[in-house]
Amino acid sequence: MGPPDETGHAFVVLRGDETVGVVLLRAEGDVARVVLDYVTPRFRDFSPGEFVWRRSNVLRDDGFTRVVTPPQMVGAYYDRLGFRPEGGSWVLDL
């Protein structure tokens, strides 16, 4: 991965003082493309991504209108968080 720039967004999700997840996004206009959505095994049922995708307004505040995962994203819990399948990817309208 190259140096950070304005097109990338990174989120570290904490529970107390423990890191439980990491989300990396690449901006393409008003679309946030998921590069990495990782949750540690101990917190897979905690759904740390829920904070990034549903509870936080940070993506909308940054001007995004959609989030799109790579095709055939593994561990698709996205349907529980409001994403819909579209062309092999999961899409969330913000």
N, C-alpha and C. Protein backbone atom coordinates (compact mmCIF):
# COMPACT_ATOMS: atom_id res chain seq x y z
N MET A 1 0.84 -1.17 0.00
CA MET A 1 0.00 0.00 0.00
C MET A 1 0.89 1.23 0.00
N GLY A 2 0.56 2.21 -0.80
CA GLY A 2 1.36 3.42 -0.92
C GLY A 2 1.10 4.40 0.20
N PRO A 3 1.67 5.57 0.09
CA PRO A 3 1.49 6.59 1.13
C PRO A 3 0.05 7.06 1.19
N PRO A 4 -0.39 7.52 2.36
CA PRO A 4 -1.77 7.99 2.47
C PRO A 4 -1.99 9.25 1.64
N ASP A 5 -3.21 9.43 1.18
CA ASP A 5 -3.57 10.64 0.45
C ASP A 5 -5.02 10.98 0.74
N GLU A 6 -5.55 11.98 0.06
CA GLU A 6 -6.91 12.44 0.33
C GLU A 6 -7.98 11.44 -0.10
N THR A 7 -7.61 10.42 -0.88
CA THR A 7 -8.61 9.49 -1.37
C THR A 7 -8.86 8.32 -0.43
N GLY A 8 -8.07 8.22 0.63
CA GLY A 8 -8.21 7.10 1.55
C GLY A 8 -8.80 7.51 2.89
N HIS A 9 -9.56 6.61 3.48
CA HIS A 9 -10.12 6.80 4.81
C HIS A 9 -9.85 5.52 5.60
N ALA A 10 -9.44 5.68 6.84
CA ALA A 10 -9.17 4.53 7.70
C ALA A 10 -9.89 4.72 9.02
N PHE A 11 -10.50 3.64 9.51
CA PHE A 11 -11.20 3.67 10.78
C PHE A 11 -10.69 2.51 11.63
N VAL A 12 -10.34 2.80 12.84
CA VAL A 12 -9.98 1.78 13.81
C VAL A 12 -11.12 1.76 14.83
N VAL A 13 -11.73 0.61 15.00
CA VAL A 13 -12.87 0.48 15.91
C VAL A 13 -12.39 -0.11 17.22
N LEU A 14 -12.67 0.57 18.30
CA LEU A 14 -12.22 0.16 19.63
C LEU A 14 -13.40 -0.23 20.49
N ARG A 15 -13.13 -1.13 21.41
CA ARG A 15 -14.08 -1.42 22.49
C ARG A 15 -13.27 -1.32 23.77
N GLY A 16 -13.53 -0.28 24.53
CA GLY A 16 -12.66 0.02 25.65
C GLY A 16 -11.31 0.43 25.10
N ASP A 17 -10.26 -0.24 25.54
CA ASP A 17 -8.92 0.06 25.03
C ASP A 17 -8.41 -1.01 24.07
N GLU A 18 -9.30 -1.85 23.57
CA GLU A 18 -8.92 -2.94 22.67
C GLU A 18 -9.36 -2.65 21.24
N THR A 19 -8.45 -2.82 20.30
CA THR A 19 -8.79 -2.69 18.88
C THR A 19 -9.56 -3.94 18.47
N VAL A 20 -10.75 -3.74 17.89
CA VAL A 20 -11.58 -4.88 17.49
C VAL A 20 -11.82 -4.93 15.99
N GLY A 21 -11.53 -3.84 15.29
CA GLY A 21 -11.75 -3.85 13.85
C GLY A 21 -11.05 -2.72 13.15
N VAL A 22 -10.88 -2.90 11.83
CA VAL A 22 -10.27 -1.90 10.98
C VAL A 22 -11.06 -1.85 9.68
N VAL A 23 -11.37 -0.64 9.23
CA VAL A 23 -12.04 -0.45 7.95
C VAL A 23 -11.21 0.54 7.13
N LEU A 24 -10.86 0.13 5.92
CA LEU A 24 -10.15 1.02 4.99
C LEU A 24 -11.03 1.25 3.78
N LEU A 25 -11.15 2.51 3.38
CA LEU A 25 -11.99 2.89 2.25
C LEU A 25 -11.17 3.71 1.26
N ARG A 26 -11.53 3.60 -0.01
CA ARG A 26 -10.95 4.43 -1.07
C ARG A 26 -12.07 5.27 -1.66
N ALA A 27 -11.87 6.56 -1.73
CA ALA A 27 -12.89 7.46 -2.27
C ALA A 27 -12.82 7.49 -3.79
N GLU A 28 -13.99 7.36 -4.40
CA GLU A 28 -14.14 7.55 -5.84
C GLU A 28 -15.32 8.49 -6.02
N GLY A 29 -15.04 9.77 -6.00
CA GLY A 29 -16.13 10.76 -6.03
C GLY A 29 -16.93 10.65 -4.75
N ASP A 30 -18.24 10.43 -4.88
CA ASP A 30 -19.10 10.32 -3.69
C ASP A 30 -19.31 8.86 -3.27
N VAL A 31 -18.52 7.94 -3.85
CA VAL A 31 -18.61 6.52 -3.50
C VAL A 31 -17.41 6.13 -2.65
N ALA A 32 -17.68 5.47 -1.53
CA ALA A 32 -16.63 4.92 -0.68
C ALA A 32 -16.49 3.44 -1.01
N ARG A 33 -15.35 3.07 -1.56
CA ARG A 33 -15.08 1.67 -1.92
C ARG A 33 -14.35 0.99 -0.77
N VAL A 34 -14.89 -0.13 -0.31
CA VAL A 34 -14.28 -0.86 0.79
C VAL A 34 -13.02 -1.57 0.29
N VAL A 35 -11.90 -1.29 0.94
CA VAL A 35 -10.64 -1.94 0.63
C VAL A 35 -10.41 -3.07 1.64
N LEU A 36 -10.73 -2.81 2.90
CA LEU A 36 -10.56 -3.79 3.97
C LEU A 36 -11.64 -3.56 5.01
N ASP A 37 -12.27 -4.62 5.45
CA ASP A 37 -13.23 -4.59 6.56
C ASP A 37 -12.89 -5.81 7.41
N TYR A 38 -12.08 -5.59 8.43
CA TYR A 38 -11.58 -6.70 9.24
C TYR A 38 -12.02 -6.53 10.68
N VAL A 39 -12.48 -7.63 11.27
CA VAL A 39 -12.85 -7.67 12.68
C VAL A 39 -12.10 -8.84 13.31
N THR A 40 -11.53 -8.62 14.49
CA THR A 40 -10.82 -9.70 15.16
C THR A 40 -11.82 -10.82 15.48
N PRO A 41 -11.36 -12.06 15.48
CA PRO A 41 -12.27 -13.20 15.69
C PRO A 41 -13.10 -13.08 16.97
N ARG A 42 -12.53 -12.57 18.02
CA ARG A 42 -13.25 -12.47 19.30
C ARG A 42 -14.47 -11.55 19.22
N PHE A 43 -14.48 -10.62 18.28
CA PHE A 43 -15.56 -9.64 18.20
C PHE A 43 -16.39 -9.75 16.94
N ARG A 44 -16.33 -10.87 16.26
CA ARG A 44 -17.09 -11.00 15.02
C ARG A 44 -18.59 -10.88 15.25
N ASP A 45 -19.10 -11.26 16.43
CA ASP A 45 -20.53 -11.10 16.69
C ASP A 45 -20.86 -9.69 17.18
N PHE A 46 -19.87 -8.90 17.53
CA PHE A 46 -20.05 -7.53 18.01
C PHE A 46 -20.35 -6.58 16.85
N SER A 47 -19.97 -6.95 15.63
CA SER A 47 -20.18 -6.15 14.43
C SER A 47 -19.64 -4.73 14.58
N PRO A 48 -18.34 -4.59 14.76
CA PRO A 48 -17.76 -3.25 14.84
C PRO A 48 -18.08 -2.39 13.62
N GLY A 49 -18.24 -3.04 12.47
CA GLY A 49 -18.59 -2.29 11.27
C GLY A 49 -19.91 -1.56 11.39
N GLU A 50 -20.78 -2.03 12.29
CA GLU A 50 -22.06 -1.35 12.48
C GLU A 50 -21.85 0.11 12.85
N PHE A 51 -20.83 0.38 13.65
CA PHE A 51 -20.56 1.77 14.02
C PHE A 51 -20.21 2.60 12.80
N VAL A 52 -19.32 2.06 11.95
CA VAL A 52 -18.89 2.80 10.76
C VAL A 52 -20.04 2.95 9.79
N TRP A 53 -20.79 1.86 9.55
CA TRP A 53 -21.82 1.88 8.51
C TRP A 53 -23.13 2.49 8.96
N ARG A 54 -23.56 2.28 10.21
CA ARG A 54 -24.92 2.69 10.60
C ARG A 54 -24.99 3.79 11.65
N ARG A 55 -24.15 3.74 12.65
CA ARG A 55 -24.30 4.68 13.76
C ARG A 55 -23.59 6.01 13.55
N SER A 56 -22.49 5.98 12.85
CA SER A 56 -21.71 7.19 12.64
C SER A 56 -22.16 7.89 11.37
N ASN A 57 -22.15 9.20 11.39
CA ASN A 57 -22.47 9.98 10.19
C ASN A 57 -21.21 10.44 9.47
N VAL A 58 -20.06 9.93 9.87
CA VAL A 58 -18.80 10.42 9.34
C VAL A 58 -18.72 10.27 7.82
N LEU A 59 -19.25 9.21 7.26
CA LEU A 59 -19.18 9.03 5.81
C LEU A 59 -20.05 10.05 5.09
N ARG A 60 -21.25 10.26 5.58
CA ARG A 60 -22.13 11.28 4.99
C ARG A 60 -21.52 12.67 5.15
N ASP A 61 -20.97 12.91 6.33
CA ASP A 61 -20.35 14.21 6.58
C ASP A 61 -19.17 14.47 5.66
N ASP A 62 -18.51 13.40 5.19
CA ASP A 62 -17.39 13.53 4.26
C ASP A 62 -17.86 13.57 2.80
N GLY A 63 -19.18 13.59 2.58
CA GLY A 63 -19.72 13.75 1.23
C GLY A 63 -20.02 12.47 0.48
N PHE A 64 -19.90 11.33 1.15
CA PHE A 64 -20.21 10.07 0.47
C PHE A 64 -21.72 9.84 0.42
N THR A 65 -22.19 9.25 -0.67
CA THR A 65 -23.60 8.90 -0.81
C THR A 65 -23.80 7.38 -0.88
N ARG A 66 -22.71 6.64 -1.16
CA ARG A 66 -22.79 5.19 -1.27
C ARG A 66 -21.51 4.54 -0.77
N VAL A 67 -21.65 3.31 -0.29
CA VAL A 67 -20.52 2.47 0.06
C VAL A 67 -20.65 1.20 -0.77
N VAL A 68 -19.54 0.76 -1.39
CA VAL A 68 -19.56 -0.42 -2.24
C VAL A 68 -18.40 -1.33 -1.84
N THR A 69 -18.72 -2.62 -1.61
CA THR A 69 -17.68 -3.60 -1.29
C THR A 69 -17.11 -4.17 -2.58
N PRO A 70 -15.94 -4.80 -2.50
CA PRO A 70 -15.44 -5.53 -3.66
C PRO A 70 -16.38 -6.70 -3.99
N PRO A 71 -16.39 -7.15 -5.24
CA PRO A 71 -17.22 -8.31 -5.58
C PRO A 71 -16.87 -9.52 -4.72
N GLN A 72 -17.89 -10.27 -4.39
CA GLN A 72 -17.76 -11.51 -3.60
C GLN A 72 -17.00 -11.28 -2.29
N MET A 73 -17.31 -10.19 -1.60
CA MET A 73 -16.68 -9.89 -0.30
C MET A 73 -16.95 -11.04 0.66
N VAL A 74 -15.91 -11.55 1.29
CA VAL A 74 -16.02 -12.66 2.23
C VAL A 74 -16.59 -12.17 3.55
N GLY A 75 -17.38 -13.02 4.20
CA GLY A 75 -17.94 -12.66 5.51
C GLY A 75 -19.03 -11.63 5.41
N ALA A 76 -19.88 -11.80 4.43
CA ALA A 76 -20.90 -10.78 4.16
C ALA A 76 -21.96 -10.73 5.26
N TYR A 77 -21.75 -9.89 6.24
CA TYR A 77 -22.74 -9.58 7.26
C TYR A 77 -23.49 -8.33 6.85
N TYR A 78 -23.19 -7.87 5.65
CA TYR A 78 -23.68 -6.58 5.21
C TYR A 78 -25.20 -6.50 5.11
N ASP A 79 -25.86 -7.61 4.78
CA ASP A 79 -27.32 -7.57 4.67
C ASP A 79 -27.97 -7.17 5.99
N ARG A 80 -27.35 -7.54 7.12
CA ARG A 80 -27.89 -7.17 8.43
C ARG A 80 -27.70 -5.69 8.74
N LEU A 81 -26.84 -5.03 7.98
CA LEU A 81 -26.53 -3.63 8.25
C LEU A 81 -27.14 -2.67 7.23
N GLY A 82 -28.02 -3.18 6.38
CA GLY A 82 -28.71 -2.31 5.43
C GLY A 82 -28.13 -2.29 4.03
N PHE A 83 -27.06 -3.04 3.79
CA PHE A 83 -26.51 -3.14 2.43
C PHE A 83 -27.43 -4.02 1.60
N ARG A 84 -27.37 -3.86 0.29
CA ARG A 84 -28.11 -4.71 -0.63
C ARG A 84 -27.14 -5.28 -1.66
N PRO A 85 -27.41 -6.50 -2.13
CA PRO A 85 -26.53 -7.07 -3.16
C PRO A 85 -26.75 -6.36 -4.49
N GLU A 86 -25.64 -6.12 -5.19
CA GLU A 86 -25.72 -5.49 -6.51
C GLU A 86 -24.50 -5.90 -7.33
N GLY A 87 -24.73 -6.71 -8.34
CA GLY A 87 -23.66 -7.11 -9.25
C GLY A 87 -22.49 -7.81 -8.58
N GLY A 88 -22.73 -8.62 -7.58
CA GLY A 88 -21.66 -9.33 -6.88
C GLY A 88 -21.08 -8.57 -5.70
N SER A 89 -21.39 -7.30 -5.57
CA SER A 89 -20.93 -6.47 -4.46
C SER A 89 -22.08 -6.23 -3.50
N TRP A 90 -21.76 -5.62 -2.37
CA TRP A 90 -22.78 -5.13 -1.43
C TRP A 90 -22.75 -3.61 -1.48
N VAL A 91 -23.93 -2.98 -1.51
CA VAL A 91 -24.03 -1.54 -1.67
C VAL A 91 -24.89 -0.97 -0.55
N LEU A 92 -24.44 0.13 0.04
CA LEU A 92 -25.19 0.84 1.06
C LEU A 92 -25.39 2.27 0.60
N ASP A 93 -26.65 2.69 0.48
CA ASP A 93 -26.95 4.09 0.19
C ASP A 93 -26.99 4.85 1.50
N LEU A 94 -26.24 5.94 1.55
CA LEU A 94 -26.16 6.73 2.78
C LEU A 94 -27.18 7.86 2.80
